[in-house]
Amino acid sequence: MSAAWVVVGVTVVGGLAAALQAQFMGEMNARVGTLESVFITYGLGALVIGVIMAAARGGDLSSWRALPPYVFLAGVFGLVIVGSVSFGVGRVGVVQALVTFTAAQFAFSALIDHYGWFGAEVRAFDVSRMAGVALLVAGSWLVVR
């Protein structure tokens, strides 16, 4: 199997997991609230990844000091992601929440790539990418209208 297919397979699994997580968090949000559902999700996630990391590599985090300071915001952004998805799904459903989330993600990601922000490899926002983002936004509008 080529490396490209492995990447596609892993990202498809991630997409499936995102849809399931969104639904489960929407249900938690409706029953216990947004902050509580984020806490439950992050707490369990931290426990699981801690066990996996310890089993796989012994939990060596010694190289964290070499990371640029802005990367530590990833955890905060993760809270925003999980909280906003939980909040949205609980109110408008999985498809509407995730399609809006995804359209915003694609549009901003195109800017990050185009300008090479935060160490990203520069990938021009050419006509093809513009068309793709425009179609995604148009499709999002069709779903949420």
C-alpha atoms as a PDB file:
ATOM      1  CA  MET A   1       0.000   0.000   0.000  1.00  0.00           C
ATOM      2  CA  SER A   2       1.453   3.381  -0.955  1.00  0.00           C
ATOM      3  CA  ALA A   3       2.079   6.111   1.594  1.00  0.00           C
ATOM      4  CA  ALA A   4      -0.642   8.270   0.017  1.00  0.00           C
ATOM      5  CA  TRP A   5      -3.276   5.606   0.673  1.00  0.00           C
ATOM      6  CA  VAL A   6      -2.126   5.266   4.266  1.00  0.00           C
ATOM      7  CA  VAL A   7      -2.543   9.022   4.735  1.00  0.00           C
ATOM      8  CA  VAL A   8      -5.994   8.917   3.121  1.00  0.00           C
ATOM      9  CA  GLY A   9      -7.012   5.966   5.284  1.00  0.00           C
ATOM     10  CA  VAL A  10      -5.836   7.558   8.509  1.00  0.00           C
ATOM     11  CA  THR A  11      -7.561  10.854   7.713  1.00  0.00           C
ATOM     12  CA  VAL A  12     -10.803   9.085   6.755  1.00  0.00           C
ATOM     13  CA  VAL A  13     -10.726   7.297  10.115  1.00  0.00           C
ATOM     14  CA  GLY A  14     -10.138  10.690  11.743  1.00  0.00           C
ATOM     15  CA  GLY A  15     -13.142  12.120   9.918  1.00  0.00           C
ATOM     16  CA  LEU A  16     -15.327   9.244  11.044  1.00  0.00           C
ATOM     17  CA  ALA A  17     -14.112   9.708  14.609  1.00  0.00           C
ATOM     18  CA  ALA A  18     -14.843  13.454  14.406  1.00  0.00           C
ATOM     19  CA  ALA A  19     -18.436  12.796  13.353  1.00  0.00           C
ATOM     20  CA  LEU A  20     -18.933  10.268  16.140  1.00  0.00           C
ATOM     21  CA  GLN A  21     -17.255  12.533  18.697  1.00  0.00           C
ATOM     22  CA  ALA A  22     -19.447  15.433  17.633  1.00  0.00           C
ATOM     23  CA  GLN A  23     -22.624  13.408  18.087  1.00  0.00           C
ATOM     24  CA  PHE A  24     -21.527  11.993  21.441  1.00  0.00           C
ATOM     25  CA  MET A  25     -20.468  15.415  22.710  1.00  0.00           C
ATOM     26  CA  GLY A  26     -23.721  16.955  21.515  1.00  0.00           C
ATOM     27  CA  GLU A  27     -25.568  14.393  23.591  1.00  0.00           C
ATOM     28  CA  MET A  28     -23.323  15.054  26.603  1.00  0.00           C
ATOM     29  CA  ASN A  29     -23.794  18.800  26.116  1.00  0.00           C
ATOM     30  CA  ALA A  30     -27.563  18.432  26.203  1.00  0.00           C
ATOM     31  CA  ARG A  31     -27.442  16.345  29.374  1.00  0.00           C
ATOM     32  CA  VAL A  32     -24.651  17.902  31.450  1.00  0.00           C
ATOM     33  CA  GLY A  33     -23.628  21.181  29.745  1.00  0.00           C
ATOM     34  CA  THR A  34     -20.853  22.448  27.486  1.00  0.00           C
ATOM     35  CA  LEU A  35     -18.091  22.913  30.063  1.00  0.00           C
ATOM     36  CA  GLU A  36     -18.780  19.567  31.660  1.00  0.00           C
ATOM     37  CA  SER A  37     -18.803  17.721  28.327  1.00  0.00           C
ATOM     38  CA  VAL A  38     -15.485  19.341  27.370  1.00  0.00           C
ATOM     39  CA  PHE A  39     -14.012  18.349  30.746  1.00  0.00           C
ATOM     40  CA  ILE A  40     -15.187  14.750  30.385  1.00  0.00           C
ATOM     41  CA  THR A  41     -13.844  14.542  26.837  1.00  0.00           C
ATOM     42  CA  TYR A  42     -10.456  16.069  27.615  1.00  0.00           C
ATOM     43  CA  GLY A  43     -10.072  14.196  30.906  1.00  0.00           C
ATOM     44  CA  LEU A  44     -10.711  10.818  29.342  1.00  0.00           C
ATOM     45  CA  GLY A  45      -8.607  11.729  26.307  1.00  0.00           C
ATOM     46  CA  ALA A  46      -5.685  12.755  28.549  1.00  0.00           C
ATOM     47  CA  LEU A  47      -5.935   9.492  30.461  1.00  0.00           C
ATOM     48  CA  VAL A  48      -6.018   7.350  27.315  1.00  0.00           C
ATOM     49  CA  ILE A  49      -3.149   9.138  25.548  1.00  0.00           C
ATOM     50  CA  GLY A  50      -1.099   9.071  28.755  1.00  0.00           C
ATOM     51  CA  VAL A  51      -1.423   5.296  28.956  1.00  0.00           C
ATOM     52  CA  ILE A  52      -0.646   4.877  25.240  1.00  0.00           C
ATOM     53  CA  MET A  53       2.352   7.213  25.426  1.00  0.00           C
ATOM     54  CA  ALA A  54       3.755   5.472  28.495  1.00  0.00           C
ATOM     55  CA  ALA A  55       3.339   2.063  26.902  1.00  0.00           C
ATOM     56  CA  ALA A  56       4.806   3.091  23.542  1.00  0.00           C
ATOM     57  CA  ARG A  57       7.782   5.209  24.563  1.00  0.00           C
ATOM     58  CA  GLY A  58       7.896   5.414  28.300  1.00  0.00           C
ATOM     59  CA  GLY A  59       6.393   8.915  28.269  1.00  0.00           C
ATOM     60  CA  ASP A  60       9.558  10.854  27.391  1.00  0.00           C
ATOM     61  CA  LEU A  61       8.631  14.541  27.032  1.00  0.00           C
ATOM     62  CA  SER A  62      12.167  15.839  27.548  1.00  0.00           C
ATOM     63  CA  SER A  63      12.329  17.663  24.204  1.00  0.00           C
ATOM     64  CA  TRP A  64       9.336  19.940  24.932  1.00  0.00           C
ATOM     65  CA  ARG A  65      11.646  22.868  25.754  1.00  0.00           C
ATOM     66  CA  ALA A  66      12.732  23.075  22.099  1.00  0.00           C
ATOM     67  CA  LEU A  67       9.192  23.786  20.915  1.00  0.00           C
ATOM     68  CA  PRO A  68       8.220  27.335  19.930  1.00  0.00           C
ATOM     69  CA  PRO A  69       6.002  28.896  22.623  1.00  0.00           C
ATOM     70  CA  TYR A  70       2.976  29.388  20.358  1.00  0.00           C
ATOM     71  CA  VAL A  71       2.520  25.629  19.845  1.00  0.00           C
ATOM     72  CA  PHE A  72       1.337  25.282  23.439  1.00  0.00           C
ATOM     73  CA  LEU A  73      -1.836  27.095  22.411  1.00  0.00           C
ATOM     74  CA  ALA A  74      -2.844  23.861  20.651  1.00  0.00           C
ATOM     75  CA  GLY A  75      -4.401  22.623  23.897  1.00  0.00           C
ATOM     76  CA  VAL A  76      -6.394  25.832  24.288  1.00  0.00           C
ATOM     77  CA  PHE A  77      -7.515  25.635  20.661  1.00  0.00           C
ATOM     78  CA  GLY A  78      -8.477  22.018  21.270  1.00  0.00           C
ATOM     79  CA  LEU A  79     -10.776  23.209  24.049  1.00  0.00           C
ATOM     80  CA  VAL A  80     -12.308  25.756  21.663  1.00  0.00           C
ATOM     81  CA  ILE A  81     -12.748  23.082  18.987  1.00  0.00           C
ATOM     82  CA  VAL A  82     -14.302  20.516  21.292  1.00  0.00           C
ATOM     83  CA  GLY A  83     -16.442  23.122  23.049  1.00  0.00           C
ATOM     84  CA  SER A  84     -17.712  24.749  19.861  1.00  0.00           C
ATOM     85  CA  VAL A  85     -18.546  21.414  18.256  1.00  0.00           C
ATOM     86  CA  SER A  86     -20.297  20.236  21.420  1.00  0.00           C
ATOM     87  CA  PHE A  87     -22.239  23.505  21.637  1.00  0.00           C
ATOM     88  CA  GLY A  88     -23.168  23.534  17.941  1.00  0.00           C
ATOM     89  CA  VAL A  89     -24.175  19.893  17.602  1.00  0.00           C
ATOM     90  CA  GLY A  90     -26.339  20.156  20.689  1.00  0.00           C
ATOM     91  CA  ARG A  91     -28.297  22.980  19.039  1.00  0.00           C
ATOM     92  CA  VAL A  92     -28.325  22.469  15.252  1.00  0.00           C
ATOM     93  CA  GLY A  93     -27.273  18.844  14.715  1.00  0.00           C
ATOM     94  CA  VAL A  94     -24.136  17.104  13.535  1.00  0.00           C
ATOM     95  CA  VAL A  95     -24.257  18.020   9.840  1.00  0.00           C
ATOM     96  CA  GLN A  96     -24.976  21.722  10.271  1.00  0.00           C
ATOM     97  CA  ALA A  97     -22.417  22.138  13.025  1.00  0.00           C
ATOM     98  CA  LEU A  98     -19.650  20.193  11.297  1.00  0.00           C
ATOM     99  CA  VAL A  99     -20.199  21.681   7.845  1.00  0.00           C
ATOM    100  CA  THR A 100     -19.950  25.210   9.279  1.00  0.00           C
ATOM    101  CA  PHE A 101     -16.921  24.181  11.330  1.00  0.00           C
ATOM    102  CA  THR A 102     -15.272  22.577   8.297  1.00  0.00           C
ATOM    103  CA  ALA A 103     -15.901  25.531   5.969  1.00  0.00           C
ATOM    104  CA  ALA A 104     -14.332  27.920   8.482  1.00  0.00           C
ATOM    105  CA  GLN A 105     -11.448  25.511   9.007  1.00  0.00           C
ATOM    106  CA  PHE A 106     -10.759  25.213   5.261  1.00  0.00           C
ATOM    107  CA  ALA A 107     -10.926  28.955   4.645  1.00  0.00           C
ATOM    108  CA  PHE A 108      -8.488  29.782   7.452  1.00  0.00           C
ATOM    109  CA  SER A 109      -6.253  26.815   6.603  1.00  0.00           C
ATOM    110  CA  ALA A 110      -5.913  28.157   3.052  1.00  0.00           C
ATOM    111  CA  LEU A 111      -4.615  31.432   4.502  1.00  0.00           C
ATOM    112  CA  ILE A 112      -2.172  29.627   6.777  1.00  0.00           C
ATOM    113  CA  ASP A 113      -0.830  27.664   3.797  1.00  0.00           C
ATOM    114  CA  HIS A 114      -0.755  30.669   1.463  1.00  0.00           C
ATOM    115  CA  TYR A 115       1.244  32.871   3.821  1.00  0.00           C
ATOM    116  CA  GLY A 116       3.236  30.110   5.534  1.00  0.00           C
ATOM    117  CA  TRP A 117       2.108  31.232   8.976  1.00  0.00           C
ATOM    118  CA  PHE A 118       3.386  29.385  12.056  1.00  0.00           C
ATOM    119  CA  GLY A 119       5.984  27.418  10.129  1.00  0.00           C
ATOM    120  CA  ALA A 120       3.601  25.988   7.518  1.00  0.00           C
ATOM    121  CA  GLU A 121       5.041  25.196   4.105  1.00  0.00           C
ATOM    122  CA  VAL A 122       3.876  27.887   1.669  1.00  0.00           C
ATOM    123  CA  ARG A 123       1.225  26.587  -0.723  1.00  0.00           C
ATOM    124  CA  ALA A 124      -0.230  29.278  -2.940  1.00  0.00           C
ATOM    125  CA  PHE A 125      -3.954  30.006  -2.724  1.00  0.00           C
ATOM    126  CA  ASP A 126      -4.324  29.559  -6.462  1.00  0.00           C
ATOM    127  CA  VAL A 127      -7.442  29.436  -8.615  1.00  0.00           C
ATOM    128  CA  SER A 128      -7.932  25.733  -7.987  1.00  0.00           C
ATOM    129  CA  ARG A 129      -7.817  26.153  -4.203  1.00  0.00           C
ATOM    130  CA  MET A 130     -10.048  29.233  -4.387  1.00  0.00           C
ATOM    131  CA  ALA A 131     -12.601  27.231  -6.358  1.00  0.00           C
ATOM    132  CA  GLY A 132     -12.421  24.372  -3.866  1.00  0.00           C
ATOM    133  CA  VAL A 133     -12.959  26.651  -0.872  1.00  0.00           C
ATOM    134  CA  ALA A 134     -15.749  28.502  -2.711  1.00  0.00           C
ATOM    135  CA  LEU A 135     -17.488  25.199  -3.458  1.00  0.00           C
ATOM    136  CA  LEU A 136     -17.090  24.123   0.144  1.00  0.00           C
ATOM    137  CA  VAL A 137     -18.588  27.395   1.384  1.00  0.00           C
ATOM    138  CA  ALA A 138     -21.422  27.144  -1.170  1.00  0.00           C
ATOM    139  CA  GLY A 139     -22.091  23.559  -0.120  1.00  0.00           C
ATOM    140  CA  SER A 140     -22.076  24.640   3.517  1.00  0.00           C
ATOM    141  CA  TRP A 141     -24.641  27.317   2.763  1.00  0.00           C
ATOM    142  CA  LEU A 142     -26.863  24.735   1.035  1.00  0.00           C
ATOM    143  CA  VAL A 143     -26.710  22.507   4.110  1.00  0.00           C
ATOM    144  CA  VAL A 144     -27.403  25.177   6.736  1.00  0.00           C
ATOM    145  CA  ARG A 145     -30.015  27.328   4.959  1.00  0.00           C
END
